[in-house]
Amino acid sequence: MPDEREAGFAYRSVVLHDAEDVVHPCELQVYDRLLDRYAFVQLPVSPLIDPAARLISGHYADEFTEAHARAMPVRSRLGVAMPCAGVGCGFARATLQVLADAAPDGAPFATDSLTEDYELGIRIHEAGGRGLFVRARDGTGGLIATHAYFPGDLTASVRQKTRWTIGIALSGWDRTGWGRGVGDIWMRARDRRSALSALVLVTAYLGLLGWLVVSIGDWADLYQPAPLDPAFRALLIVNGVVLTWRICVRAACTGQQYGGREALWSVPRTLVGNIIAVMAARRALLAYAASLWGAPLSWEKTRHHIPAAPPAPAASAQSVLQVASHQPSSVRD
């Protein structure tokens, strides 16, 4: 780096954030404590909910909270490739230098990718580095996380998720492969399921619509449907129970972070999130198909709302260090 050459020193770490992020004041303490042992450290992302767009902006809170309370800690424990969120993450300087030395352009970040942050975590793992997802709390008990507003209108949200779908699920398949080992393959398959999930969602909603039409016809004596096969009825019941369980788990995760009111809002936001996912998958598939015929993949910039910074919590460095030292391989709530 030019600054290092001019000043005659080397940075110890590099931290990524967006300009609109609300950064927790204890964040650097976590990085300082752990980057001696890990190639990069990822903190949770806690989206801010816009009261004027509670359904759309809030569905990000539901998705990130569940993923960063359940999926990411498990992924970190397994030691498989862990994606970087692009915000709230710190990297060991030496790790970025290894990636830069191996890159043809001498840069650690893939500038031709729509999701270079996601790929960065994968590349670090493939280079032998270990990423760690950290859930630590400050002296007041607050979660050390990055807060930011996400899009609150439908068009902007679909554009943003289109880019994520292309970068992670479609072109990411070409760029990063499947890794090695059952754990890596399984996690990357989960990352890339969005396009297939959209197809399943459309099929499910069409099936639900068909069931409603048939039920109305039966009620009005216009149509007499055949009795359901017992095995098919049992399958519907099992699916209904699993769906209810999934919705309750997400509501519980949201409620733990945002309170009971937002937990209730997370139920209708499930439908909103599904609609956005289907619309984004359609746009992503069309754009990716066009790219196979030579059309460039365009970066669709998302406009962000910059929130006012909240007052800094009264947390001491010692309190964070004590949490971080409870377990050598992780930081627990």
C-alpha atoms as a PDB file:
ATOM      1  CA  MET A   1       0.000   0.000   0.000  1.00  0.00           C
ATOM      2  CA  PRO A   2       1.308   3.514  -0.800  1.00  0.00           C
ATOM      3  CA  ASP A   3       0.593   4.764   2.731  1.00  0.00           C
ATOM      4  CA  GLU A   4       2.652   1.954   4.202  1.00  0.00           C
ATOM      5  CA  ARG A   5       5.604   2.629   1.907  1.00  0.00           C
ATOM      6  CA  GLU A   6       5.568   6.364   2.596  1.00  0.00           C
ATOM      7  CA  ALA A   7       5.234   6.026   6.372  1.00  0.00           C
ATOM      8  CA  GLY A   8       7.458   2.980   6.726  1.00  0.00           C
ATOM      9  CA  PHE A   9       4.997   0.768   8.589  1.00  0.00           C
ATOM     10  CA  ALA A  10       2.528  -2.056   7.860  1.00  0.00           C
ATOM     11  CA  TYR A  11      -1.124  -2.121   8.850  1.00  0.00           C
ATOM     12  CA  ARG A  12      -2.153  -4.979  11.111  1.00  0.00           C
ATOM     13  CA  SER A  13      -5.657  -5.367   9.706  1.00  0.00           C
ATOM     14  CA  VAL A  14      -8.138  -3.999   7.188  1.00  0.00           C
ATOM     15  CA  VAL A  15     -11.807  -3.439   8.047  1.00  0.00           C
ATOM     16  CA  LEU A  16     -14.639  -3.198   5.515  1.00  0.00           C
ATOM     17  CA  HIS A  17     -17.729  -1.001   5.947  1.00  0.00           C
ATOM     18  CA  ASP A  18     -20.156   0.989   3.823  1.00  0.00           C
ATOM     19  CA  ALA A  19     -20.531   4.722   4.316  1.00  0.00           C
ATOM     20  CA  GLU A  20     -24.061   4.322   5.695  1.00  0.00           C
ATOM     21  CA  ASP A  21     -23.135   1.758   8.362  1.00  0.00           C
ATOM     22  CA  VAL A  22     -23.560   2.488  12.058  1.00  0.00           C
ATOM     23  CA  VAL A  23     -20.369   0.976  13.485  1.00  0.00           C
ATOM     24  CA  HIS A  24     -20.304  -0.391  17.016  1.00  0.00           C
ATOM     25  CA  PRO A  25     -17.595   1.320  19.103  1.00  0.00           C
ATOM     26  CA  CYS A  26     -16.331  -2.026  20.446  1.00  0.00           C
ATOM     27  CA  GLU A  27     -15.844  -3.537  17.001  1.00  0.00           C
ATOM     28  CA  LEU A  28     -12.103  -2.897  16.738  1.00  0.00           C
ATOM     29  CA  GLN A  29     -11.545  -4.540  20.100  1.00  0.00           C
ATOM     30  CA  VAL A  30     -13.001  -7.791  18.765  1.00  0.00           C
ATOM     31  CA  TYR A  31     -10.784  -7.692  15.685  1.00  0.00           C
ATOM     32  CA  ASP A  32      -7.733  -6.877  17.779  1.00  0.00           C
ATOM     33  CA  ARG A  33      -8.446  -9.850  20.027  1.00  0.00           C
ATOM     34  CA  LEU A  34      -8.977 -12.438  17.288  1.00  0.00           C
ATOM     35  CA  LEU A  35      -7.107 -11.540  14.097  1.00  0.00           C
ATOM     36  CA  ASP A  36      -3.882 -13.004  15.454  1.00  0.00           C
ATOM     37  CA  ARG A  37      -5.493 -16.438  15.092  1.00  0.00           C
ATOM     38  CA  TYR A  38      -7.935 -16.010  12.208  1.00  0.00           C
ATOM     39  CA  ALA A  39      -7.616 -14.774   8.649  1.00  0.00           C
ATOM     40  CA  PHE A  40     -10.798 -12.747   8.929  1.00  0.00           C
ATOM     41  CA  VAL A  41     -13.546 -12.066  11.452  1.00  0.00           C
ATOM     42  CA  GLN A  42     -17.174 -11.373  10.556  1.00  0.00           C
ATOM     43  CA  LEU A  43     -19.579  -9.631  12.934  1.00  0.00           C
ATOM     44  CA  PRO A  44     -23.383  -9.858  12.674  1.00  0.00           C
ATOM     45  CA  VAL A  45     -25.342  -7.465  10.477  1.00  0.00           C
ATOM     46  CA  SER A  46     -28.443  -6.045  12.175  1.00  0.00           C
ATOM     47  CA  PRO A  47     -30.611  -4.184   9.621  1.00  0.00           C
ATOM     48  CA  LEU A  48     -32.498  -1.128  10.826  1.00  0.00           C
ATOM     49  CA  ILE A  49     -36.256  -1.279  10.225  1.00  0.00           C
ATOM     50  CA  ASP A  50     -37.815   1.770   8.592  1.00  0.00           C
ATOM     51  CA  PRO A  51     -41.256   2.322  10.225  1.00  0.00           C
ATOM     52  CA  ALA A  52     -42.485   3.814   6.942  1.00  0.00           C
ATOM     53  CA  ALA A  53     -41.540   0.628   5.039  1.00  0.00           C
ATOM     54  CA  ARG A  54     -41.852  -2.026   7.719  1.00  0.00           C
ATOM     55  CA  LEU A  55     -42.743  -4.894   5.381  1.00  0.00           C
ATOM     56  CA  ILE A  56     -39.942  -4.482   2.836  1.00  0.00           C
ATOM     57  CA  SER A  57     -37.126  -3.070   4.950  1.00  0.00           C
ATOM     58  CA  GLY A  58     -38.124  -5.358   7.810  1.00  0.00           C
ATOM     59  CA  HIS A  59     -37.804  -8.570   5.821  1.00  0.00           C
ATOM     60  CA  TYR A  60     -34.047  -7.944   5.674  1.00  0.00           C
ATOM     61  CA  ALA A  61     -34.021  -7.861   9.467  1.00  0.00           C
ATOM     62  CA  ASP A  62     -35.797 -11.215   9.606  1.00  0.00           C
ATOM     63  CA  GLU A  63     -33.472 -12.870   7.110  1.00  0.00           C
ATOM     64  CA  PHE A  64     -30.200 -11.491   8.467  1.00  0.00           C
ATOM     65  CA  THR A  65     -31.152 -12.102  12.087  1.00  0.00           C
ATOM     66  CA  GLU A  66     -32.009 -15.740  11.470  1.00  0.00           C
ATOM     67  CA  ALA A  67     -28.948 -16.349   9.306  1.00  0.00           C
ATOM     68  CA  HIS A  68     -26.580 -14.643  11.755  1.00  0.00           C
ATOM     69  CA  ALA A  69     -28.105 -16.284  14.817  1.00  0.00           C
ATOM     70  CA  ARG A  70     -28.285 -19.831  13.435  1.00  0.00           C
ATOM     71  CA  ALA A  71     -26.666 -20.582  10.073  1.00  0.00           C
ATOM     72  CA  MET A  72     -23.451 -18.558  10.265  1.00  0.00           C
ATOM     73  CA  PRO A  73     -22.386 -19.731  13.739  1.00  0.00           C
ATOM     74  CA  VAL A  74     -22.844 -23.344  12.608  1.00  0.00           C
ATOM     75  CA  ARG A  75     -20.850 -22.665   9.459  1.00  0.00           C
ATOM     76  CA  SER A  76     -18.086 -21.079  11.495  1.00  0.00           C
ATOM     77  CA  ARG A  77     -17.958 -24.041  13.866  1.00  0.00           C
ATOM     78  CA  LEU A  78     -17.677 -26.508  10.985  1.00  0.00           C
ATOM     79  CA  GLY A  79     -14.632 -24.679   9.640  1.00  0.00           C
ATOM     80  CA  VAL A  80     -15.945 -24.618   6.058  1.00  0.00           C
ATOM     81  CA  ALA A  81     -15.661 -21.669   3.667  1.00  0.00           C
ATOM     82  CA  MET A  82     -17.438 -18.716   5.252  1.00  0.00           C
ATOM     83  CA  PRO A  83     -18.681 -15.872   3.053  1.00  0.00           C
ATOM     84  CA  CYS A  84     -17.875 -12.300   3.936  1.00  0.00           C
ATOM     85  CA  ALA A  85     -20.786  -9.855   4.243  1.00  0.00           C
ATOM     86  CA  GLY A  86     -18.735  -6.907   3.006  1.00  0.00           C
ATOM     87  CA  VAL A  87     -19.479  -4.896   6.139  1.00  0.00           C
ATOM     88  CA  GLY A  88     -18.550  -5.495   9.761  1.00  0.00           C
ATOM     89  CA  CYS A  89     -15.590  -7.666   8.815  1.00  0.00           C
ATOM     90  CA  GLY A  90     -11.898  -7.390   9.613  1.00  0.00           C
ATOM     91  CA  PHE A  91      -9.046  -9.064   7.734  1.00  0.00           C
ATOM     92  CA  ALA A  92      -5.499  -9.843   8.736  1.00  0.00           C
ATOM     93  CA  ARG A  93      -3.209  -7.711   6.568  1.00  0.00           C
ATOM     94  CA  ALA A  94      -1.034 -10.697   5.715  1.00  0.00           C
ATOM     95  CA  THR A  95      -4.049 -12.624   4.410  1.00  0.00           C
ATOM     96  CA  LEU A  96      -4.952  -9.894   1.931  1.00  0.00           C
ATOM     97  CA  GLN A  97      -1.322  -9.740   0.802  1.00  0.00           C
ATOM     98  CA  VAL A  98      -1.363 -13.476   0.027  1.00  0.00           C
ATOM     99  CA  LEU A  99      -4.478 -13.019  -2.118  1.00  0.00           C
ATOM    100  CA  ALA A 100      -3.018  -9.958  -3.845  1.00  0.00           C
ATOM    101  CA  ASP A 101       0.213 -11.787  -4.675  1.00  0.00           C
ATOM    102  CA  ALA A 102      -1.752 -14.658  -6.216  1.00  0.00           C
ATOM    103  CA  ALA A 103      -4.057 -12.409  -8.297  1.00  0.00           C
ATOM    104  CA  PRO A 104      -3.083 -11.478 -11.865  1.00  0.00           C
ATOM    105  CA  ASP A 105      -3.936  -7.820 -11.247  1.00  0.00           C
ATOM    106  CA  GLY A 106      -2.268  -7.732  -7.829  1.00  0.00           C
ATOM    107  CA  ALA A 107      -5.538  -6.912  -6.042  1.00  0.00           C
ATOM    108  CA  PRO A 108      -7.069  -9.016  -3.237  1.00  0.00           C
ATOM    109  CA  PHE A 109     -10.635  -8.136  -4.319  1.00  0.00           C
ATOM    110  CA  ALA A 110     -12.273  -9.522  -7.464  1.00  0.00           C
ATOM    111  CA  THR A 111     -13.249  -6.302  -9.236  1.00  0.00           C
ATOM    112  CA  ASP A 112     -15.115  -8.168 -11.990  1.00  0.00           C
ATOM    113  CA  SER A 113     -17.540  -9.843  -9.560  1.00  0.00           C
ATOM    114  CA  LEU A 114     -21.004  -8.610  -8.552  1.00  0.00           C
ATOM    115  CA  THR A 115     -20.474 -10.060  -5.067  1.00  0.00           C
ATOM    116  CA  GLU A 116     -16.760  -9.620  -4.448  1.00  0.00           C
ATOM    117  CA  ASP A 117     -17.279  -9.653  -0.678  1.00  0.00           C
ATOM    118  CA  TYR A 118     -18.889 -13.105  -0.768  1.00  0.00           C
ATOM    119  CA  GLU A 119     -16.110 -14.435  -2.998  1.00  0.00           C
ATOM    120  CA  LEU A 120     -13.431 -12.957  -0.756  1.00  0.00           C
ATOM    121  CA  GLY A 121     -14.396 -15.262   2.104  1.00  0.00           C
ATOM    122  CA  ILE A 122     -14.371 -18.264  -0.249  1.00  0.00           C
ATOM    123  CA  ARG A 123     -10.943 -17.352  -1.628  1.00  0.00           C
ATOM    124  CA  ILE A 124      -9.497 -16.932   1.855  1.00  0.00           C
ATOM    125  CA  HIS A 125     -10.654 -20.436   2.756  1.00  0.00           C
ATOM    126  CA  GLU A 126      -9.197 -21.891  -0.445  1.00  0.00           C
ATOM    127  CA  ALA A 127      -5.889 -20.168   0.337  1.00  0.00           C
ATOM    128  CA  GLY A 128      -5.756 -21.943   3.709  1.00  0.00           C
ATOM    129  CA  GLY A 129      -7.137 -19.149   5.901  1.00  0.00           C
ATOM    130  CA  ARG A 130      -9.808 -19.609   8.543  1.00  0.00           C
ATOM    131  CA  GLY A 131     -12.737 -17.240   8.939  1.00  0.00           C
ATOM    132  CA  LEU A 132     -14.644 -16.789  12.181  1.00  0.00           C
ATOM    133  CA  PHE A 133     -18.183 -15.540  12.731  1.00  0.00           C
ATOM    134  CA  VAL A 134     -18.397 -13.732  16.062  1.00  0.00           C
ATOM    135  CA  ARG A 135     -21.363 -12.970  18.297  1.00  0.00           C
ATOM    136  CA  ALA A 136     -20.026 -10.913  21.209  1.00  0.00           C
ATOM    137  CA  ARG A 137     -21.763  -8.474  23.545  1.00  0.00           C
ATOM    138  CA  ASP A 138     -20.595  -5.206  25.029  1.00  0.00           C
ATOM    139  CA  GLY A 139     -20.654  -4.164  28.665  1.00  0.00           C
ATOM    140  CA  THR A 140     -24.359  -3.248  28.469  1.00  0.00           C
ATOM    141  CA  GLY A 141     -25.323  -6.615  26.976  1.00  0.00           C
ATOM    142  CA  GLY A 142     -25.847  -5.196  23.489  1.00  0.00           C
ATOM    143  CA  LEU A 143     -24.825  -7.255  20.482  1.00  0.00           C
ATOM    144  CA  ILE A 144     -21.686  -5.978  18.780  1.00  0.00           C
ATOM    145  CA  ALA A 145     -23.045  -5.704  15.252  1.00  0.00           C
ATOM    146  CA  THR A 146     -23.252  -3.447  12.209  1.00  0.00           C
ATOM    147  CA  HIS A 147     -26.502  -1.502  11.822  1.00  0.00           C
ATOM    148  CA  ALA A 148     -27.717  -0.076   8.513  1.00  0.00           C
ATOM    149  CA  TYR A 149     -30.866   0.602   6.549  1.00  0.00           C
ATOM    150  CA  PHE A 150     -31.614  -1.662   3.611  1.00  0.00           C
ATOM    151  CA  PRO A 151     -33.912  -0.759   0.699  1.00  0.00           C
ATOM    152  CA  GLY A 152     -37.456   0.095   1.714  1.00  0.00           C
ATOM    153  CA  ASP A 153     -39.171   0.045  -1.680  1.00  0.00           C
ATOM    154  CA  LEU A 154     -39.946  -2.957  -3.855  1.00  0.00           C
ATOM    155  CA  THR A 155     -38.000  -1.931  -6.966  1.00  0.00           C
ATOM    156  CA  ALA A 156     -34.762  -1.213  -5.101  1.00  0.00           C
ATOM    157  CA  SER A 157     -35.028  -4.409  -3.082  1.00  0.00           C
ATOM    158  CA  VAL A 158     -35.567  -6.529  -6.192  1.00  0.00           C
ATOM    159  CA  ARG A 159     -32.579  -4.876  -7.895  1.00  0.00           C
ATOM    160  CA  GLN A 160     -30.337  -5.539  -4.908  1.00  0.00           C
ATOM    161  CA  LYS A 161     -31.398  -9.170  -4.560  1.00  0.00           C
ATOM    162  CA  THR A 162     -31.017  -9.653  -8.311  1.00  0.00           C
ATOM    163  CA  ARG A 163     -27.344  -8.743  -7.954  1.00  0.00           C
ATOM    164  CA  TRP A 164     -26.965 -11.081  -4.992  1.00  0.00           C
ATOM    165  CA  THR A 165     -28.621 -13.943  -6.884  1.00  0.00           C
ATOM    166  CA  ILE A 166     -26.434 -13.470  -9.956  1.00  0.00           C
ATOM    167  CA  GLY A 167     -23.222 -13.080  -7.989  1.00  0.00           C
ATOM    168  CA  ILE A 168     -23.744 -15.903  -5.520  1.00  0.00           C
ATOM    169  CA  ALA A 169     -26.094 -18.444  -7.091  1.00  0.00           C
ATOM    170  CA  LEU A 170     -25.355 -18.128 -10.829  1.00  0.00           C
ATOM    171  CA  SER A 171     -22.040 -16.572 -11.864  1.00  0.00           C
ATOM    172  CA  GLY A 172     -20.632 -17.526  -8.454  1.00  0.00           C
ATOM    173  CA  TRP A 173     -21.112 -21.150  -9.466  1.00  0.00           C
ATOM    174  CA  ASP A 174     -18.776 -20.539 -12.408  1.00  0.00           C
ATOM    175  CA  ARG A 175     -16.275 -18.433 -10.457  1.00  0.00           C
ATOM    176  CA  THR A 176     -15.825 -20.325  -7.188  1.00  0.00           C
ATOM    177  CA  GLY A 177     -16.826 -23.916  -7.940  1.00  0.00           C
ATOM    178  CA  TRP A 178     -17.947 -26.271  -5.205  1.00  0.00           C
ATOM    179  CA  GLY A 179     -14.934 -26.574  -2.944  1.00  0.00           C
ATOM    180  CA  ARG A 180     -13.703 -29.761  -1.332  1.00  0.00           C
ATOM    181  CA  GLY A 181     -15.415 -31.919   1.238  1.00  0.00           C
ATOM    182  CA  VAL A 182     -19.026 -32.586   2.108  1.00  0.00           C
ATOM    183  CA  GLY A 183     -19.329 -29.523   4.346  1.00  0.00           C
ATOM    184  CA  ASP A 184     -18.179 -27.064   1.670  1.00  0.00           C
ATOM    185  CA  ILE A 185     -20.374 -28.619  -1.014  1.00  0.00           C
ATOM    186  CA  TRP A 186     -23.425 -28.569   1.253  1.00  0.00           C
ATOM    187  CA  MET A 187     -22.955 -24.939   2.312  1.00  0.00           C
ATOM    188  CA  ARG A 188     -22.348 -23.693  -1.209  1.00  0.00           C
ATOM    189  CA  ALA A 189     -25.446 -25.570  -2.369  1.00  0.00           C
ATOM    190  CA  ARG A 190     -27.409 -23.719   0.331  1.00  0.00           C
ATOM    191  CA  ASP A 191     -25.954 -20.421  -0.878  1.00  0.00           C
ATOM    192  CA  ARG A 192     -26.999 -21.157  -4.466  1.00  0.00           C
ATOM    193  CA  ARG A 193     -30.508 -22.436  -3.875  1.00  0.00           C
ATOM    194  CA  SER A 194     -32.235 -19.077  -4.472  1.00  0.00           C
ATOM    195  CA  ALA A 195     -33.088 -19.663  -8.142  1.00  0.00           C
ATOM    196  CA  LEU A 196     -34.433 -23.157  -7.434  1.00  0.00           C
ATOM    197  CA  SER A 197     -36.260 -21.885  -4.348  1.00  0.00           C
ATOM    198  CA  ALA A 198     -38.021 -19.283  -6.499  1.00  0.00           C
ATOM    199  CA  LEU A 199     -39.297 -22.009  -8.815  1.00  0.00           C
ATOM    200  CA  VAL A 200     -40.550 -24.032  -5.839  1.00  0.00           C
ATOM    201  CA  LEU A 201     -42.247 -20.940  -4.393  1.00  0.00           C
ATOM    202  CA  VAL A 202     -44.071 -20.181  -7.640  1.00  0.00           C
ATOM    203  CA  THR A 203     -45.210 -23.794  -7.893  1.00  0.00           C
ATOM    204  CA  ALA A 204     -46.387 -23.767  -4.280  1.00  0.00           C
ATOM    205  CA  TYR A 205     -48.365 -20.542  -4.622  1.00  0.00           C
ATOM    206  CA  LEU A 206     -49.978 -21.768  -7.844  1.00  0.00           C
ATOM    207  CA  GLY A 207     -50.902 -24.971  -6.036  1.00  0.00           C
ATOM    208  CA  LEU A 208     -52.396 -22.952  -3.187  1.00  0.00           C
ATOM    209  CA  LEU A 209     -54.397 -20.879  -5.668  1.00  0.00           C
ATOM    210  CA  GLY A 210     -55.634 -24.051  -7.375  1.00  0.00           C
ATOM    211  CA  TRP A 211     -56.681 -25.493  -4.009  1.00  0.00           C
ATOM    212  CA  LEU A 212     -58.653 -22.327  -3.220  1.00  0.00           C
ATOM    213  CA  VAL A 213     -60.454 -22.475  -6.592  1.00  0.00           C
ATOM    214  CA  VAL A 214     -61.317 -26.142  -6.123  1.00  0.00           C
ATOM    215  CA  SER A 215     -62.497 -25.515  -2.555  1.00  0.00           C
ATOM    216  CA  ILE A 216     -64.769 -22.684  -3.684  1.00  0.00           C
ATOM    217  CA  GLY A 217     -66.132 -24.892  -6.468  1.00  0.00           C
ATOM    218  CA  ASP A 218     -66.802 -27.675  -3.985  1.00  0.00           C
ATOM    219  CA  TRP A 219     -68.500 -25.294  -1.550  1.00  0.00           C
ATOM    220  CA  ALA A 220     -70.721 -23.900  -4.340  1.00  0.00           C
ATOM    221  CA  ASP A 221     -71.584 -27.398  -5.620  1.00  0.00           C
ATOM    222  CA  LEU A 222     -69.958 -26.586  -8.951  1.00  0.00           C
ATOM    223  CA  TYR A 223     -67.279 -29.229  -8.769  1.00  0.00           C
ATOM    224  CA  GLN A 224     -66.756 -32.387  -6.738  1.00  0.00           C
ATOM    225  CA  PRO A 225     -63.019 -33.109  -6.256  1.00  0.00           C
ATOM    226  CA  ALA A 226     -61.765 -36.646  -5.799  1.00  0.00           C
ATOM    227  CA  PRO A 227     -60.818 -37.622  -2.234  1.00  0.00           C
ATOM    228  CA  LEU A 228     -57.188 -37.030  -1.346  1.00  0.00           C
ATOM    229  CA  ASP A 229     -54.896 -40.019  -1.261  1.00  0.00           C
ATOM    230  CA  PRO A 230     -54.037 -40.786   2.413  1.00  0.00           C
ATOM    231  CA  ALA A 231     -50.292 -40.632   1.711  1.00  0.00           C
ATOM    232  CA  PHE A 232     -50.675 -37.284  -0.034  1.00  0.00           C
ATOM    233  CA  ARG A 233     -52.783 -35.953   2.830  1.00  0.00           C
ATOM    234  CA  ALA A 234     -50.098 -37.042   5.301  1.00  0.00           C
ATOM    235  CA  LEU A 235     -47.435 -35.295   3.181  1.00  0.00           C
ATOM    236  CA  LEU A 236     -49.453 -32.066   3.190  1.00  0.00           C
ATOM    237  CA  ILE A 237     -49.776 -32.232   6.970  1.00  0.00           C
ATOM    238  CA  VAL A 238     -46.043 -32.815   7.431  1.00  0.00           C
ATOM    239  CA  ASN A 239     -45.222 -29.923   5.099  1.00  0.00           C
ATOM    240  CA  GLY A 240     -47.663 -27.682   6.954  1.00  0.00           C
ATOM    241  CA  VAL A 241     -46.070 -28.520  10.294  1.00  0.00           C
ATOM    242  CA  VAL A 242     -42.543 -27.927   8.962  1.00  0.00           C
ATOM    243  CA  LEU A 243     -43.596 -24.608   7.417  1.00  0.00           C
ATOM    244  CA  THR A 244     -45.170 -23.496  10.690  1.00  0.00           C
ATOM    245  CA  TRP A 245     -42.024 -24.501  12.564  1.00  0.00           C
ATOM    246  CA  ARG A 246     -39.806 -22.522  10.165  1.00  0.00           C
ATOM    247  CA  ILE A 247     -41.962 -19.416  10.515  1.00  0.00           C
ATOM    248  CA  CYS A 248     -41.915 -19.730  14.312  1.00  0.00           C
ATOM    249  CA  VAL A 249     -38.123 -20.136  14.387  1.00  0.00           C
ATOM    250  CA  ARG A 250     -37.650 -17.020  12.283  1.00  0.00           C
ATOM    251  CA  ALA A 251     -40.114 -15.095  14.456  1.00  0.00           C
ATOM    252  CA  ALA A 252     -38.215 -16.211  17.567  1.00  0.00           C
ATOM    253  CA  CYS A 253     -34.905 -15.001  16.117  1.00  0.00           C
ATOM    254  CA  THR A 254     -36.443 -11.663  15.150  1.00  0.00           C
ATOM    255  CA  GLY A 255     -38.118 -11.317  18.525  1.00  0.00           C
ATOM    256  CA  GLN A 256     -34.866 -11.912  20.383  1.00  0.00           C
ATOM    257  CA  GLN A 257     -33.176  -9.061  18.518  1.00  0.00           C
ATOM    258  CA  TYR A 258     -36.021  -6.619  17.833  1.00  0.00           C
ATOM    259  CA  GLY A 259     -38.802  -7.476  20.288  1.00  0.00           C
ATOM    260  CA  GLY A 260     -42.200  -9.125  20.194  1.00  0.00           C
ATOM    261  CA  ARG A 261     -43.850  -6.622  17.858  1.00  0.00           C
ATOM    262  CA  GLU A 262     -41.354  -7.231  15.081  1.00  0.00           C
ATOM    263  CA  ALA A 263     -41.610 -10.965  15.702  1.00  0.00           C
ATOM    264  CA  LEU A 264     -45.306 -10.741  14.808  1.00  0.00           C
ATOM    265  CA  TRP A 265     -44.509  -8.601  11.763  1.00  0.00           C
ATOM    266  CA  SER A 266     -42.061 -11.261  10.574  1.00  0.00           C
ATOM    267  CA  VAL A 267     -44.982 -13.580   9.748  1.00  0.00           C
ATOM    268  CA  PRO A 268     -46.499 -11.441   6.915  1.00  0.00           C
ATOM    269  CA  ARG A 269     -42.980 -10.410   5.919  1.00  0.00           C
ATOM    270  CA  THR A 270     -42.324 -14.039   4.990  1.00  0.00           C
ATOM    271  CA  LEU A 271     -44.735 -13.619   2.098  1.00  0.00           C
ATOM    272  CA  VAL A 272     -43.154 -10.287   1.145  1.00  0.00           C
ATOM    273  CA  GLY A 273     -39.683 -11.836   1.152  1.00  0.00           C
ATOM    274  CA  ASN A 274     -40.898 -14.696  -1.050  1.00  0.00           C
ATOM    275  CA  ILE A 275     -42.390 -12.287  -3.587  1.00  0.00           C
ATOM    276  CA  ILE A 276     -39.151 -10.294  -3.733  1.00  0.00           C
ATOM    277  CA  ALA A 277     -37.121 -13.490  -4.089  1.00  0.00           C
ATOM    278  CA  VAL A 278     -39.241 -14.695  -7.024  1.00  0.00           C
ATOM    279  CA  MET A 279     -39.041 -11.336  -8.810  1.00  0.00           C
ATOM    280  CA  ALA A 280     -35.289 -11.120  -8.248  1.00  0.00           C
ATOM    281  CA  ALA A 281     -34.717 -14.699  -9.435  1.00  0.00           C
ATOM    282  CA  ARG A 282     -36.590 -14.006 -12.658  1.00  0.00           C
ATOM    283  CA  ARG A 283     -34.479 -10.911 -13.408  1.00  0.00           C
ATOM    284  CA  ALA A 284     -31.278 -12.712 -12.405  1.00  0.00           C
ATOM    285  CA  LEU A 285     -31.937 -15.713 -14.643  1.00  0.00           C
ATOM    286  CA  LEU A 286     -32.695 -13.477 -17.634  1.00  0.00           C
ATOM    287  CA  ALA A 287     -29.566 -11.381 -17.056  1.00  0.00           C
ATOM    288  CA  TYR A 288     -27.358 -14.423 -16.534  1.00  0.00           C
ATOM    289  CA  ALA A 289     -28.747 -16.144 -19.645  1.00  0.00           C
ATOM    290  CA  ALA A 290     -27.977 -12.995 -21.650  1.00  0.00           C
ATOM    291  CA  SER A 291     -24.427 -12.973 -20.254  1.00  0.00           C
ATOM    292  CA  LEU A 292     -23.865 -16.474 -21.617  1.00  0.00           C
ATOM    293  CA  TRP A 293     -24.436 -14.972 -25.068  1.00  0.00           C
ATOM    294  CA  GLY A 294     -21.939 -12.183 -24.460  1.00  0.00           C
ATOM    295  CA  ALA A 295     -23.978  -9.461 -22.734  1.00  0.00           C
ATOM    296  CA  PRO A 296     -22.135  -7.847 -19.791  1.00  0.00           C
ATOM    297  CA  LEU A 297     -23.475  -8.256 -16.271  1.00  0.00           C
ATOM    298  CA  SER A 298     -24.249  -4.773 -14.998  1.00  0.00           C
ATOM    299  CA  TRP A 299     -23.801  -3.567 -11.437  1.00  0.00           C
ATOM    300  CA  GLU A 300     -27.069  -2.057 -10.173  1.00  0.00           C
ATOM    301  CA  LYS A 301     -26.181   0.388  -7.453  1.00  0.00           C
ATOM    302  CA  THR A 302     -28.491   0.504  -4.444  1.00  0.00           C
ATOM    303  CA  ARG A 303     -29.307   3.855  -2.880  1.00  0.00           C
ATOM    304  CA  HIS A 304     -28.951   3.765   0.896  1.00  0.00           C
ATOM    305  CA  HIS A 305     -30.440   5.880   3.648  1.00  0.00           C
ATOM    306  CA  ILE A 306     -27.816   7.096   6.126  1.00  0.00           C
ATOM    307  CA  PRO A 307     -29.180   6.922   9.694  1.00  0.00           C
ATOM    308  CA  ALA A 308     -28.266   9.138  12.599  1.00  0.00           C
ATOM    309  CA  ALA A 309     -25.646   7.496  14.795  1.00  0.00           C
ATOM    310  CA  PRO A 310     -27.048   6.273  18.127  1.00  0.00           C
ATOM    311  CA  PRO A 311     -25.327   7.184  21.396  1.00  0.00           C
ATOM    312  CA  ALA A 312     -22.291   5.042  22.124  1.00  0.00           C
ATOM    313  CA  PRO A 313     -22.894   2.276  24.692  1.00  0.00           C
ATOM    314  CA  ALA A 314     -20.969   2.356  27.930  1.00  0.00           C
ATOM    315  CA  ALA A 315     -18.863  -0.718  27.263  1.00  0.00           C
ATOM    316  CA  SER A 316     -15.322  -1.320  28.350  1.00  0.00           C
ATOM    317  CA  ALA A 317     -12.625  -3.115  26.421  1.00  0.00           C
ATOM    318  CA  GLN A 318     -12.182  -5.542  29.275  1.00  0.00           C
ATOM    319  CA  SER A 319     -15.794  -6.719  29.071  1.00  0.00           C
ATOM    320  CA  VAL A 320     -15.418  -7.601  25.393  1.00  0.00           C
ATOM    321  CA  LEU A 321     -12.095  -9.337  25.946  1.00  0.00           C
ATOM    322  CA  GLN A 322     -13.581 -11.472  28.699  1.00  0.00           C
ATOM    323  CA  VAL A 323     -16.358 -12.669  26.399  1.00  0.00           C
ATOM    324  CA  ALA A 324     -13.847 -13.354  23.640  1.00  0.00           C
ATOM    325  CA  SER A 325     -11.632 -15.443  25.893  1.00  0.00           C
ATOM    326  CA  HIS A 326     -14.325 -17.879  26.994  1.00  0.00           C
ATOM    327  CA  GLN A 327     -13.667 -20.164  24.059  1.00  0.00           C
ATOM    328  CA  PRO A 328     -10.535 -20.354  21.894  1.00  0.00           C
ATOM    329  CA  SER A 329     -12.383 -21.135  18.656  1.00  0.00           C
ATOM    330  CA  SER A 330     -15.280 -18.704  18.898  1.00  0.00           C
ATOM    331  CA  VAL A 331     -16.912 -15.839  20.694  1.00  0.00           C
ATOM    332  CA  ARG A 332     -20.225 -16.668  22.264  1.00  0.00           C
ATOM    333  CA  ASP A 333     -23.230 -14.619  23.288  1.00  0.00           C
END
